Protein backbone atom coordinates (compact mmCIF):
# COMPACT_ATOMS: atom_id res chain seq x y z
CA UNK A 1 -88.18 -252.50 207.43
CA UNK A 2 -91.24 -252.19 209.75
CA UNK A 3 -94.25 -254.33 208.94
CA UNK A 4 -97.23 -252.62 207.43
CA UNK A 5 -99.51 -251.06 210.01
CA UNK A 6 -102.55 -253.09 211.09
CA UNK A 7 -105.95 -251.88 210.04
CA UNK A 8 -108.01 -250.12 212.74
CA UNK A 9 -109.66 -252.98 214.75
CA UNK A 10 -113.02 -251.13 214.68
CA UNK A 11 -112.88 -250.98 210.95
CA UNK A 12 -112.05 -254.71 210.80
CA UNK A 13 -115.15 -255.51 212.92
CA UNK A 14 -117.36 -253.40 210.76
CA UNK A 15 -115.90 -254.97 207.59
CA UNK A 16 -116.84 -258.39 208.95
CA UNK A 17 -120.32 -257.27 209.85
CA UNK A 18 -121.17 -255.79 206.49
CA UNK A 19 -122.69 -258.45 204.23
CA UNK A 20 -122.71 -258.60 200.44
CA UNK A 21 -126.42 -257.74 200.51
CA UNK A 22 -125.67 -254.68 202.73
CA UNK A 23 -123.26 -253.42 200.11
CA UNK A 24 -125.18 -254.35 196.94
CA UNK A 25 -128.78 -253.30 197.66
CA UNK A 26 -130.50 -249.91 197.81
CA UNK A 27 -132.19 -250.76 201.08
CA UNK A 28 -135.68 -250.73 199.58
CA UNK A 29 -135.42 -253.87 197.44
CA UNK A 30 -135.48 -257.48 198.61
CA UNK A 31 -133.31 -259.56 196.24
CA UNK A 32 -131.65 -262.92 196.58
CA UNK A 33 -127.96 -263.44 196.18
CA UNK A 34 -128.66 -264.96 192.79
CA UNK A 35 -130.60 -261.90 191.73
CA UNK A 36 -127.71 -259.75 192.79
CA UNK A 37 -125.20 -261.93 191.01
CA UNK A 38 -123.46 -262.54 194.33
CA UNK A 39 -124.00 -266.26 194.13
CA UNK A 40 -121.94 -266.47 190.90
CA UNK A 41 -118.53 -264.76 191.08
CA UNK A 42 -117.92 -265.45 187.39
CA UNK A 43 -120.79 -263.25 186.33
CA UNK A 44 -121.21 -260.40 188.78
CA UNK A 45 -124.02 -257.95 188.18
CA UNK A 46 -122.57 -255.33 185.83
CA UNK A 47 -123.84 -252.12 187.40
CA UNK A 48 -122.40 -252.85 190.79
CA UNK A 49 -119.01 -251.06 191.39
CA UNK A 50 -116.38 -253.84 191.08
CA UNK A 51 -119.29 -256.29 191.05
CA UNK A 52 -119.84 -255.51 194.74
CA UNK A 53 -121.20 -252.06 195.58
CA UNK A 54 -124.40 -250.27 194.76
CA UNK A 55 -124.26 -246.48 195.22
CA UNK A 56 -126.62 -246.86 198.22
CA UNK A 57 -124.58 -249.71 199.59
CA UNK A 58 -121.36 -247.81 199.38
CA UNK A 59 -122.92 -244.76 201.14
CA UNK A 60 -124.31 -247.12 203.78
CA UNK A 61 -120.79 -248.59 204.33
CA UNK A 62 -119.18 -245.16 204.55
CA UNK A 63 -121.66 -244.04 207.17
CA UNK A 64 -121.27 -247.28 209.09
CA UNK A 65 -117.49 -246.74 209.20
CA UNK A 66 -118.15 -243.11 210.32
CA UNK A 67 -116.25 -241.52 207.50
CA UNK A 68 -119.12 -239.42 206.16
CA UNK A 69 -119.90 -238.10 209.65
CA UNK A 70 -116.23 -237.12 210.24
CA UNK A 71 -116.12 -235.26 206.95
CA UNK A 72 -119.43 -233.45 207.78
CA UNK A 73 -118.03 -232.38 211.10
CA UNK A 74 -115.39 -230.42 209.18
CA UNK A 75 -117.32 -229.08 206.12
CA UNK A 76 -121.03 -229.44 206.87
CA UNK A 77 -123.57 -231.41 204.81
CA UNK A 78 -122.25 -233.56 202.00
CA UNK A 79 -123.45 -235.52 198.98
CA UNK A 80 -121.93 -238.73 197.70
CA UNK A 81 -121.54 -238.73 193.91
CA UNK A 82 -120.41 -241.72 191.84
CA UNK A 83 -119.41 -241.72 188.21
CA UNK A 84 -119.52 -245.39 187.26
CA UNK A 85 -120.26 -245.72 183.47
CA UNK A 86 -117.48 -248.37 183.75
CA UNK A 87 -118.13 -250.05 187.11
CA UNK A 88 -114.50 -251.21 187.23
CA UNK A 89 -113.22 -247.64 186.84
CA UNK A 90 -115.36 -245.56 189.21
CA UNK A 91 -114.87 -242.05 190.43
CA UNK A 92 -116.24 -241.47 193.91
CA UNK A 93 -116.65 -237.91 195.18
CA UNK A 94 -117.97 -236.47 198.38
CA UNK A 95 -119.31 -233.01 197.62
CA UNK A 96 -119.69 -230.25 200.10
CA UNK A 97 -123.11 -228.69 199.79
CA UNK A 98 -121.79 -225.54 201.53
CA UNK A 99 -118.80 -224.96 199.31
CA UNK A 100 -119.99 -226.91 196.23
CA UNK A 101 -116.65 -228.53 195.66
CA UNK A 102 -115.48 -232.07 196.35
CA UNK A 103 -113.81 -232.59 199.76
CA UNK A 104 -113.00 -236.20 198.89
CA UNK A 105 -112.40 -237.32 195.29
CA UNK A 106 -110.99 -240.69 194.36
CA UNK A 107 -110.70 -242.43 191.05
CA UNK A 108 -110.13 -246.21 191.15
CA UNK A 109 -109.58 -249.09 188.80
CA UNK A 110 -108.57 -252.72 189.04
CA UNK A 111 -105.24 -253.71 187.48
CA UNK A 112 -102.44 -256.25 187.90
CA UNK A 113 -98.98 -256.26 189.46
CA UNK A 114 -97.19 -256.07 186.13
CA UNK A 115 -98.47 -252.47 185.56
CA UNK A 116 -96.77 -251.16 188.65
CA UNK A 117 -93.53 -253.17 188.17
CA UNK A 118 -94.15 -256.25 190.25
CA UNK A 119 -92.64 -259.23 188.44
CA UNK A 120 -92.39 -262.97 188.48
CA UNK A 121 -95.22 -264.56 190.50
CA UNK A 122 -96.72 -261.16 191.35
CA UNK A 123 -97.15 -259.89 187.78
CA UNK A 124 -100.71 -261.24 187.54
CA UNK A 125 -101.92 -260.50 191.11
CA UNK A 126 -104.97 -258.24 191.09
CA UNK A 127 -104.46 -254.73 192.52
CA UNK A 128 -106.77 -251.85 193.31
CA UNK A 129 -105.16 -248.81 191.75
CA UNK A 130 -105.83 -245.25 192.92
CA UNK A 131 -105.53 -243.03 189.88
CA UNK A 132 -106.32 -239.84 191.79
CA UNK A 133 -107.00 -238.91 195.38
CA UNK A 134 -107.99 -235.51 196.72
CA UNK A 135 -108.85 -234.64 200.31
CA UNK A 136 -109.40 -230.92 201.03
CA UNK A 137 -111.15 -228.60 203.37
CA UNK A 138 -112.28 -225.47 201.48
CA UNK A 139 -113.61 -223.96 204.72
CA UNK A 140 -110.12 -223.56 206.26
CA UNK A 141 -107.39 -221.15 205.40
CA UNK A 142 -103.68 -221.83 205.39
CA UNK A 143 -101.65 -220.36 208.25
CA UNK A 144 -98.00 -220.49 209.27
CA UNK A 145 -98.73 -223.47 211.52
CA UNK A 146 -99.81 -225.42 208.46
CA UNK A 147 -98.68 -223.64 205.24
CA UNK A 148 -99.66 -225.00 201.80
CA UNK A 149 -97.84 -227.99 200.43
CA UNK A 150 -96.92 -228.24 196.70
CA UNK A 151 -100.09 -228.94 194.71
CA UNK A 152 -102.44 -227.88 197.52
CA UNK A 153 -105.22 -225.31 196.88
CA UNK A 154 -106.86 -225.83 200.28
CA UNK A 155 -105.76 -227.43 203.61
CA UNK A 156 -106.19 -231.10 203.95
CA UNK A 157 -109.23 -232.75 205.48
CA UNK A 158 -107.18 -234.64 208.13
CA UNK A 159 -108.80 -237.93 207.11
CA UNK A 160 -106.04 -239.48 204.93
CA UNK A 161 -105.43 -242.34 207.44
CA UNK A 162 -109.02 -243.64 207.62
CA UNK A 163 -109.55 -243.09 203.88
CA UNK A 164 -106.52 -245.15 203.07
CA UNK A 165 -107.62 -247.86 205.49
CA UNK A 166 -111.07 -248.07 203.97
CA UNK A 167 -109.49 -248.28 200.42
CA UNK A 168 -107.39 -251.21 201.67
CA UNK A 169 -110.51 -252.90 203.03
CA UNK A 170 -112.26 -252.23 199.68
CA UNK A 171 -109.23 -253.88 197.87
CA UNK A 172 -109.61 -256.90 200.12
CA UNK A 173 -113.38 -257.03 199.61
CA UNK A 174 -113.05 -257.12 195.78
CA UNK A 175 -110.32 -259.72 195.70
CA UNK A 176 -107.30 -257.40 195.16
CA UNK A 177 -104.06 -258.26 196.94
CA UNK A 178 -102.74 -254.74 197.35
CA UNK A 179 -103.66 -251.07 197.05
CA UNK A 180 -101.40 -249.16 194.54
CA UNK A 181 -100.85 -245.59 193.50
CA UNK A 182 -98.20 -243.23 192.21
CA UNK A 183 -97.61 -240.12 194.36
CA UNK A 184 -97.25 -237.04 192.14
CA UNK A 185 -95.08 -235.14 194.72
CA UNK A 186 -92.63 -235.87 197.60
CA UNK A 187 -95.26 -234.40 199.97
CA UNK A 188 -97.85 -236.96 198.86
CA UNK A 189 -95.30 -239.75 199.23
CA UNK A 190 -94.78 -238.68 202.85
CA UNK A 191 -98.49 -239.04 203.50
CA UNK A 192 -98.53 -242.54 201.98
CA UNK A 193 -95.26 -243.75 203.55
CA UNK A 194 -96.87 -245.20 206.66
CA UNK A 195 -98.59 -247.91 204.62
CA UNK A 196 -97.00 -247.90 201.18
CA UNK A 197 -93.57 -248.85 199.83
CA UNK A 198 -92.13 -248.04 196.45
CA UNK A 199 -92.07 -251.02 194.14
CA UNK A 200 -88.56 -250.13 193.15
CA UNK A 201 -86.11 -250.49 195.98
CA UNK A 202 -83.92 -247.67 194.70
CA UNK A 203 -86.90 -245.31 194.66
CA UNK A 204 -87.61 -246.23 198.29
CA UNK A 205 -83.94 -245.49 199.10
CA UNK A 206 -84.06 -242.06 197.37
CA UNK A 207 -87.32 -241.17 199.19
CA UNK A 208 -85.78 -242.10 202.57
CA UNK A 209 -82.54 -240.12 201.80
CA UNK A 210 -84.58 -237.04 200.93
CA UNK A 211 -86.64 -237.31 204.10
CA UNK A 212 -83.62 -237.85 206.30
CA UNK A 213 -81.75 -234.93 204.71
CA UNK A 214 -84.41 -232.57 205.98
CA UNK A 215 -85.35 -234.26 209.28
CA UNK A 216 -84.42 -231.10 211.25
CA UNK A 217 -86.71 -228.93 209.22
CA UNK A 218 -90.52 -228.74 209.05
CA UNK A 219 -91.87 -231.45 206.68
CA UNK A 220 -93.73 -228.85 204.56
CA UNK A 221 -90.51 -226.87 204.09
CA UNK A 222 -88.66 -229.98 202.97
CA UNK A 223 -91.50 -230.72 200.55
CA UNK A 224 -91.01 -227.29 198.91
CA UNK A 225 -87.19 -227.77 198.89
CA UNK A 226 -87.69 -231.02 196.95
CA UNK A 227 -90.34 -229.54 194.66
CA UNK A 228 -88.14 -226.55 193.82
CA UNK A 229 -85.13 -228.65 193.00
CA UNK A 230 -83.08 -227.52 196.04
CA UNK A 231 -81.81 -230.91 197.17
CA UNK A 232 -78.20 -231.85 196.16
CA UNK A 233 -76.15 -235.00 196.16
CA UNK A 234 -72.53 -235.20 197.32
CA UNK A 235 -71.31 -233.84 193.89
CA UNK A 236 -73.66 -230.89 194.00
CA UNK A 237 -76.05 -232.30 191.40
CA UNK A 238 -79.77 -231.94 191.75
CA UNK A 239 -81.50 -234.73 193.58
CA UNK A 240 -85.16 -234.65 192.45
CA UNK A 241 -88.07 -236.74 193.55
CA UNK A 242 -89.31 -238.93 190.71
CA UNK A 243 -92.94 -240.22 190.83
CA UNK A 244 -93.00 -244.01 190.81
CA UNK A 245 -95.52 -246.62 191.87
CA UNK A 246 -96.07 -247.49 195.54
CA UNK A 247 -97.91 -250.44 196.96
CA UNK A 248 -99.67 -251.18 200.25
CA UNK A 249 -99.89 -254.92 200.60
CA UNK A 250 -103.18 -256.47 201.58
CA UNK A 251 -102.00 -260.09 201.33
CA UNK A 252 -98.83 -261.66 202.69
CA UNK A 253 -97.36 -262.68 199.37
CA UNK A 254 -97.21 -259.07 198.18
CA UNK A 255 -95.53 -258.02 201.43
CA UNK A 256 -92.76 -260.60 200.77
CA UNK A 257 -91.70 -258.58 197.67
CA UNK A 258 -90.47 -255.93 200.10
CA UNK A 259 -88.50 -258.39 202.12
CA UNK A 260 -86.54 -259.69 199.16
CA UNK A 261 -82.79 -259.30 199.35
CA UNK A 262 -82.55 -257.45 195.96
CA UNK A 263 -85.17 -254.87 197.02
CA UNK A 264 -83.50 -254.31 200.41
CA UNK A 265 -80.02 -253.97 198.96
CA UNK A 266 -81.18 -251.40 196.34
CA UNK A 267 -82.96 -249.41 199.05
CA UNK A 268 -80.00 -249.38 201.40
CA UNK A 269 -77.43 -248.56 198.66
CA UNK A 270 -79.29 -245.43 197.52
CA UNK A 271 -80.34 -244.41 201.03
CA UNK A 272 -76.70 -244.25 202.08
CA UNK A 273 -75.95 -241.62 199.39
CA UNK A 274 -75.78 -238.37 201.27
CA UNK A 275 -78.14 -235.51 200.32
CA UNK A 276 -78.26 -231.94 201.44
CA UNK A 277 -80.52 -228.91 201.14
CA UNK A 278 -79.14 -225.93 199.17
CA UNK A 279 -80.43 -223.19 201.39
CA UNK A 280 -79.30 -220.34 199.05
CA UNK A 281 -81.34 -221.92 196.19
CA UNK A 282 -84.36 -222.35 198.48
CA UNK A 283 -84.21 -218.67 199.48
CA UNK A 284 -84.11 -217.65 195.85
CA UNK A 285 -86.98 -219.91 194.72
CA UNK A 286 -89.21 -220.02 197.74
CA UNK A 287 -92.81 -219.30 196.65
CA UNK A 288 -93.82 -216.47 198.95
CA UNK A 289 -96.80 -215.65 196.82
CA UNK A 290 -98.27 -219.05 197.82
CA UNK A 291 -97.69 -218.56 201.56
CA UNK A 292 -100.10 -217.26 204.23
CA UNK A 293 -100.20 -213.57 204.79
CA UNK A 294 -97.94 -212.00 207.44
CA UNK A 295 -94.42 -212.72 208.54
CA UNK A 296 -93.37 -216.29 209.14
CA UNK A 297 -92.08 -217.38 212.56
CA UNK A 298 -88.73 -215.82 213.39
CA UNK A 299 -86.70 -218.99 212.93
CA UNK A 300 -88.22 -219.56 209.53
CA UNK A 301 -87.83 -215.93 208.53
CA UNK A 302 -84.08 -216.15 209.21
CA UNK A 303 -83.67 -219.48 207.45
CA UNK A 304 -85.55 -218.30 204.37
CA UNK A 305 -84.07 -214.88 204.20
CA UNK A 306 -87.42 -213.23 204.63
CA UNK A 307 -87.54 -209.50 203.72
CA UNK A 308 -90.79 -207.82 204.83
CA UNK A 309 -90.07 -204.90 202.46
CA UNK A 310 -89.49 -207.05 199.31
CA UNK A 311 -92.49 -207.15 196.98
CA UNK A 312 -94.15 -210.48 196.34
CA UNK A 313 -93.71 -211.37 192.68
CA UNK A 314 -96.35 -213.78 191.22
CA UNK A 315 -94.96 -216.50 189.02
């Protein structure tokens, strides 16, 4: 299994340059570390997110990393909103002032390894858990070069990689040893796969088997085949994707869980079970009403049994 990808070196440099005061103050106040609660880690100041970030400090950090500027290049002016009644369960949203919807929306909380299925010595390790993550560009329309994925109302923002890197750096900053989440769809798991592994080795094997079964097809089409229950095992039974926790290690000891023999054997055993796409079922179930207007590319039209004269029936 490949090692986890290194964090962008530029992001690492910025992380090292940002001080606790940079992250905790509004920029107009001059407070000591003791005033901020940063000199006593046993009693962090309650209103700071995870005892570390003020709203102004978080926005300052996001601009220093360049994330806000990159989002604004795509959707125009934005506004950072933070719901933090419980500073250890914040919801952070970046709202488009042009479209008045969130273009980035993430809900976070701190938990432990036991919740996601890590056992033994990792059951008590602190994790930063992503309860929800939305990245969308309401200013773009879907087309046949990038059709909608299951669960998408708008095209993506093309910022998933830096957002996940910054969440991993946030995890490290607040003392968590990994970033964790549970992808709701196979399409989401494909986005997270570059940095995350399923905690359960068999779940990792099933994910890999599904991905490899459709490697000659566009990833978005495979995502719909999985979503619509069109993948089959060797006996012809449905082979669904089941949402289960994934983890992106921040510290070495969490990474070792995915090098354990039991995890690797479970992954390889399930991965070797052949899966195939039931093309007839996909043609019958394909959600044409969700697709962009106009005919699909010729190769796709043939594969999907596209009939330009057939009426689109909303489900």
